[in-house]
């Protein structure tokens, strides 16, 4: 590929701000030492059957050079470092799309500096389409498209269908220019161009090294917040980094700022934190508790009448009697009882029997207030205040002084959330006192047992109905005699 091909744009401003630029510079320093004529890696031309492979070196040569020149004692560490450099495209295997280093006789080749990632390449899909289209025009085994490249070409052809003719013309023009080059030069440039795209459009399953880490990017924008070096580097040494910006001189914090900071850290200390093991246990317990209510995991009981011949579900809806599972669910928590219409009615009925229904009626009134139109809110706020909170209210509720004072202030400017604090306080009272008494009460237990008996009765009745329907289907029809129309010879008492 000629250097005139415009696959991307390089900008010094972008390069200086890139969080990966420091890594690129360090790698390029090592690559420059590798390419040194005296102390670098020996580059040679290898003869193979009926051809020559120019400007290559082996993977074992790289590992040996890194071990010797970078004072690396462990060959595995040298292999890892070389793999990172290969993944960034500074050298590449000549016959593989996967950019990795192997400590064997696999041949590698250096990438031309024009294609280094430090040039801030951002190639577009149209450029990739031109490259793939050009390779299909060259009938050579080494330039055949891999499976993932063929899929990418087909996808790009569908995406750029309207301007595919223009892409094809560009690819054709580049192919003509490549044919005029020397054979060895063309072979080297083809491999370097392929390695460039292996970096920016990697093989599926490989890491894209051109992506920018969001954490590094945020640290680059706030260099004075960068943590100290793990290896004990001083700030004056780090300031030589081309990406480092000296922190501006800051004024000492004022007393108010220090108080705000103390308050912030106190809030952080009071935050409720759980271990991951406790969170996992809680999720497992929740899943086990609600698994029987998930129709994807457990067949619903009663079954869906649209999918089966069982009409128990409709019969339960007609008689407005909740099933056993529904009643059992009220015992999971107060929220389950409150969000169920029948559950709320039974809970309220129980509290009325104990002459302590004002808390639940207040909670329900506030919930209703949140759903009212704006024009009705002020009037409804006054009604709730007069019924539950005003001095001498007929259904006075028990509030702590803090919640009462705040609610009193909120009533002066009525809104949907005027009673938010009072509602939260009442909710906690019901959850700790009224709701446990409701679950332990004989009324709830009798309701639960009654639902079991009702469902058993319905099961027996529906089973008999199924039996009679099946019998009715299977009763044969016989004609009385030759000239008689068929009649049903069965007792109609079964139906």
Foldseek 3Di string as FASTA:
>chain_A
DDLPDPQFAFDPVVLLLALCNLVLVVLVVVLVQQPDPPLHQDFAWDDDPVDIRHGKFFLLSQLVSCCPPVVDDDSVVSQVVCQVSQLQPQKAFQQDLRRGGDNDGGIMHGADPSLGCSRVGDGDLLVLLLLLLLLVVDPDPSSDDDPVSVVSNVVVCVVPVPCVVVSNVSSVVVNVVLVPDDPNVSSVVNSNVSSSCCQVVNDPPDDNPSDGDPVSSVCLVVVVPDDDDPVPDDPVVVCVRSSHDDDDDDDDDDPVVVVVVVVVVVVVVPDDDDDPVVVVVVVVVVCVVCVQVDCVRHADVVHDVVVDVQCVVVVCVVVVQDALVLLVQCVVAVVSLVVDPVSLVLLLVVCVVVVQNLLVVLLVLLVVLLVDDPVCFLVSLVVSCQQEPDVPHPSHDDDDPVLNVQLVVLNVVTDSCSNVSVSVVSVVVCRVPSSVCSCPDPSSVVSSVVNVVVSVVSVVVSVLVVVLVVVVVPQDWDAPDDPGDIDGPDDPVSD
